[in-house]
Amino acid sequence: MLFQLSWETAPGLGGLRCEGFRAVAVEQPEGAAGVAIECGSQQKADRLAQAAEEQFARKRFSNAAAAFEAVKTFVWDQAVGGPA
């Protein structure tokens, strides 16, 4: 199943923060709106979104591009080799 993991990037103390991670099943992903991943079930995709939420809860970024790249790398690494 194909899922789109998306999130909000918002200003915070010390820089931008990523929050509100969610995984939605899609037929055609929208690249600018998040990261597309293959996942076996909604439950696995939800666990990946929760792991991202925990991973980025305290991290701050200087710009939106850096935040997006960090989340994308984390999600792809987890989807390929992690518990999701």
N, C-alpha and C. Protein backbone atom coordinates (compact mmCIF):
# COMPACT_ATOMS: atom_id res chain seq x y z
N MET A 1 0.84 -1.17 0.00
CA MET A 1 0.00 0.00 0.00
C MET A 1 0.89 1.24 0.00
N LEU A 2 0.44 2.24 -0.70
CA LEU A 2 1.18 3.50 -0.78
C LEU A 2 0.56 4.51 0.18
N PHE A 3 1.41 5.12 0.99
CA PHE A 3 0.97 6.12 1.97
C PHE A 3 1.74 7.41 1.77
N GLN A 4 1.10 8.49 2.13
CA GLN A 4 1.77 9.79 2.16
C GLN A 4 1.87 10.20 3.61
N LEU A 5 3.11 10.39 4.06
CA LEU A 5 3.34 10.88 5.41
C LEU A 5 3.50 12.39 5.30
N SER A 6 2.68 13.12 6.03
CA SER A 6 2.76 14.57 6.00
C SER A 6 2.80 15.10 7.43
N TRP A 7 3.12 16.38 7.55
CA TRP A 7 3.29 17.02 8.85
C TRP A 7 3.19 18.52 8.69
N GLU A 8 3.17 19.20 9.80
CA GLU A 8 3.17 20.66 9.83
C GLU A 8 4.57 21.12 10.20
N THR A 9 5.03 22.18 9.58
CA THR A 9 6.27 22.84 9.97
C THR A 9 5.88 24.21 10.50
N ALA A 10 6.23 24.45 11.75
CA ALA A 10 5.79 25.67 12.43
C ALA A 10 6.95 26.34 13.15
N PRO A 11 6.88 27.66 13.35
CA PRO A 11 7.93 28.34 14.10
C PRO A 11 7.90 27.91 15.56
N GLY A 12 9.07 27.85 16.14
CA GLY A 12 9.18 27.50 17.55
C GLY A 12 10.40 28.19 18.13
N LEU A 13 10.59 28.05 19.41
CA LEU A 13 11.77 28.62 20.04
C LEU A 13 13.00 27.94 19.48
N GLY A 14 13.90 28.71 18.95
CA GLY A 14 15.14 28.16 18.42
C GLY A 14 15.06 27.68 16.98
N GLY A 15 13.94 27.86 16.30
CA GLY A 15 13.85 27.47 14.90
C GLY A 15 12.53 26.79 14.57
N LEU A 16 12.45 26.26 13.36
CA LEU A 16 11.23 25.58 12.91
C LEU A 16 11.13 24.20 13.54
N ARG A 17 9.91 23.78 13.83
CA ARG A 17 9.67 22.45 14.37
C ARG A 17 8.70 21.70 13.46
N CYS A 18 8.79 20.39 13.49
CA CYS A 18 7.90 19.53 12.72
C CYS A 18 6.99 18.81 13.70
N GLU A 19 5.68 18.80 13.41
CA GLU A 19 4.72 18.20 14.33
C GLU A 19 3.48 17.76 13.55
N GLY A 20 2.62 17.05 14.22
CA GLY A 20 1.35 16.64 13.61
C GLY A 20 1.53 15.64 12.47
N PHE A 21 2.44 14.69 12.64
CA PHE A 21 2.69 13.70 11.60
C PHE A 21 1.46 12.82 11.43
N ARG A 22 1.14 12.50 10.16
CA ARG A 22 0.02 11.62 9.86
C ARG A 22 0.31 10.86 8.57
N ALA A 23 -0.24 9.66 8.49
CA ALA A 23 -0.07 8.82 7.30
C ALA A 23 -1.44 8.56 6.69
N VAL A 24 -1.55 8.83 5.40
CA VAL A 24 -2.81 8.67 4.68
C VAL A 24 -2.56 7.81 3.45
N ALA A 25 -3.40 6.80 3.25
CA ALA A 25 -3.30 5.97 2.05
C ALA A 25 -3.64 6.81 0.83
N VAL A 26 -2.83 6.67 -0.21
CA VAL A 26 -3.03 7.45 -1.44
C VAL A 26 -2.81 6.55 -2.66
N GLU A 27 -3.41 6.94 -3.75
CA GLU A 27 -3.12 6.28 -5.02
C GLU A 27 -2.01 7.01 -5.76
N GLN A 28 -2.02 8.34 -5.64
CA GLN A 28 -1.04 9.18 -6.31
C GLN A 28 -0.49 10.17 -5.28
N PRO A 29 0.77 10.02 -4.85
CA PRO A 29 1.30 10.94 -3.83
C PRO A 29 1.54 12.34 -4.39
N GLU A 30 1.50 13.30 -3.51
CA GLU A 30 1.78 14.70 -3.83
C GLU A 30 3.12 15.04 -3.18
N GLY A 31 4.18 15.10 -3.97
CA GLY A 31 5.54 15.26 -3.47
C GLY A 31 5.76 16.46 -2.58
N ALA A 32 5.13 17.57 -2.88
CA ALA A 32 5.33 18.78 -2.09
C ALA A 32 4.61 18.72 -0.75
N ALA A 33 3.69 17.79 -0.61
CA ALA A 33 2.87 17.73 0.62
C ALA A 33 3.38 16.73 1.63
N GLY A 34 4.46 16.02 1.32
CA GLY A 34 4.97 15.04 2.26
C GLY A 34 5.85 14.02 1.58
N VAL A 35 6.01 12.88 2.23
CA VAL A 35 6.88 11.81 1.75
C VAL A 35 6.04 10.58 1.45
N ALA A 36 6.19 10.03 0.25
CA ALA A 36 5.47 8.82 -0.13
C ALA A 36 6.28 7.59 0.29
N ILE A 37 5.58 6.61 0.89
CA ILE A 37 6.24 5.38 1.32
C ILE A 37 5.33 4.19 1.03
N GLU A 38 5.95 3.05 0.83
CA GLU A 38 5.23 1.79 0.73
C GLU A 38 5.18 1.21 2.13
N CYS A 39 4.00 0.82 2.56
CA CYS A 39 3.82 0.23 3.89
C CYS A 39 2.76 -0.85 3.77
N GLY A 40 2.91 -1.92 4.52
CA GLY A 40 2.00 -3.05 4.40
C GLY A 40 0.60 -2.82 4.94
N SER A 41 0.43 -1.85 5.84
CA SER A 41 -0.88 -1.63 6.44
C SER A 41 -0.97 -0.22 7.02
N GLN A 42 -2.19 0.20 7.31
CA GLN A 42 -2.39 1.50 7.95
C GLN A 42 -1.73 1.53 9.32
N GLN A 43 -1.78 0.41 10.04
CA GLN A 43 -1.18 0.35 11.38
C GLN A 43 0.33 0.58 11.31
N LYS A 44 0.99 -0.03 10.33
CA LYS A 44 2.44 0.18 10.19
C LYS A 44 2.74 1.62 9.81
N ALA A 45 1.95 2.18 8.93
CA ALA A 45 2.14 3.58 8.54
C ALA A 45 1.91 4.51 9.74
N ASP A 46 0.90 4.20 10.55
CA ASP A 46 0.64 5.00 11.75
C ASP A 46 1.80 4.91 12.74
N ARG A 47 2.39 3.73 12.87
CA ARG A 47 3.55 3.58 13.76
C ARG A 47 4.73 4.40 13.25
N LEU A 48 4.90 4.44 11.95
CA LEU A 48 5.96 5.26 11.37
C LEU A 48 5.71 6.74 11.64
N ALA A 49 4.48 7.18 11.50
CA ALA A 49 4.14 8.58 11.80
C ALA A 49 4.41 8.89 13.28
N GLN A 50 4.07 7.97 14.17
CA GLN A 50 4.33 8.16 15.59
C GLN A 50 5.83 8.21 15.89
N ALA A 51 6.60 7.35 15.23
CA ALA A 51 8.05 7.35 15.41
C ALA A 51 8.64 8.69 14.95
N ALA A 52 8.14 9.21 13.84
CA ALA A 52 8.60 10.51 13.35
C ALA A 52 8.24 11.62 14.34
N GLU A 53 7.03 11.55 14.87
CA GLU A 53 6.60 12.55 15.87
C GLU A 53 7.56 12.56 17.06
N GLU A 54 7.91 11.39 17.54
CA GLU A 54 8.83 11.28 18.68
C GLU A 54 10.24 11.74 18.30
N GLN A 55 10.69 11.37 17.12
CA GLN A 55 12.04 11.72 16.66
C GLN A 55 12.22 13.23 16.54
N PHE A 56 11.19 13.92 16.07
CA PHE A 56 11.34 15.34 15.78
C PHE A 56 10.71 16.26 16.83
N ALA A 57 10.25 15.71 17.92
CA ALA A 57 9.60 16.51 18.96
C ALA A 57 10.49 17.63 19.50
N ARG A 58 11.77 17.38 19.63
CA ARG A 58 12.67 18.37 20.23
C ARG A 58 13.65 18.99 19.23
N LYS A 59 13.60 18.55 17.99
CA LYS A 59 14.54 19.08 16.99
C LYS A 59 14.02 20.38 16.40
N ARG A 60 14.95 21.27 16.08
CA ARG A 60 14.62 22.55 15.45
C ARG A 60 15.49 22.72 14.22
N PHE A 61 14.96 23.44 13.24
CA PHE A 61 15.64 23.61 11.95
C PHE A 61 15.70 25.08 11.59
N SER A 62 16.74 25.44 10.84
CA SER A 62 16.91 26.84 10.46
C SER A 62 16.02 27.23 9.29
N ASN A 63 15.59 26.24 8.48
CA ASN A 63 14.72 26.55 7.35
C ASN A 63 13.87 25.34 6.98
N ALA A 64 12.84 25.57 6.18
CA ALA A 64 11.88 24.51 5.83
C ALA A 64 12.53 23.42 4.99
N ALA A 65 13.47 23.77 4.13
CA ALA A 65 14.13 22.76 3.30
C ALA A 65 14.92 21.77 4.15
N ALA A 66 15.62 22.28 5.14
CA ALA A 66 16.39 21.40 6.03
C ALA A 66 15.46 20.48 6.81
N ALA A 67 14.33 21.02 7.26
CA ALA A 67 13.35 20.21 7.99
C ALA A 67 12.80 19.10 7.09
N PHE A 68 12.42 19.45 5.87
CA PHE A 68 11.86 18.47 4.94
C PHE A 68 12.87 17.36 4.65
N GLU A 69 14.11 17.72 4.39
CA GLU A 69 15.13 16.72 4.08
C GLU A 69 15.39 15.80 5.27
N ALA A 70 15.41 16.35 6.47
CA ALA A 70 15.63 15.53 7.66
C ALA A 70 14.49 14.53 7.86
N VAL A 71 13.26 15.00 7.71
CA VAL A 71 12.11 14.10 7.87
C VAL A 71 12.11 13.05 6.77
N LYS A 72 12.35 13.47 5.54
CA LYS A 72 12.36 12.53 4.41
C LYS A 72 13.39 11.42 4.64
N THR A 73 14.59 11.79 5.05
CA THR A 73 15.64 10.81 5.30
C THR A 73 15.24 9.86 6.42
N PHE A 74 14.71 10.39 7.50
CA PHE A 74 14.27 9.55 8.62
C PHE A 74 13.19 8.56 8.18
N VAL A 75 12.19 9.06 7.48
CA VAL A 75 11.07 8.22 7.05
C VAL A 75 11.54 7.12 6.12
N TRP A 76 12.33 7.47 5.13
CA TRP A 76 12.82 6.45 4.19
C TRP A 76 13.69 5.42 4.89
N ASP A 77 14.56 5.86 5.80
CA ASP A 77 15.40 4.91 6.55
C ASP A 77 14.53 3.96 7.38
N GLN A 78 13.51 4.50 8.04
CA GLN A 78 12.64 3.68 8.86
C GLN A 78 11.80 2.72 8.01
N ALA A 79 11.29 3.20 6.91
CA ALA A 79 10.44 2.38 6.05
C ALA A 79 11.22 1.21 5.45
N VAL A 80 12.50 1.42 5.17
CA VAL A 80 13.31 0.36 4.58
C VAL A 80 13.85 -0.58 5.63
N GLY A 81 14.37 -0.05 6.73
CA GLY A 81 15.05 -0.92 7.67
C GLY A 81 14.55 -0.89 9.09
N GLY A 82 13.58 -0.06 9.37
CA GLY A 82 13.13 0.10 10.75
C GLY A 82 11.93 -0.75 11.09
N PRO A 83 11.33 -0.51 12.24
CA PRO A 83 10.23 -1.31 12.75
C PRO A 83 8.89 -1.05 12.08
N ALA A 84 8.80 0.00 11.27
CA ALA A 84 7.50 0.32 10.66
C ALA A 84 7.17 -0.73 9.64
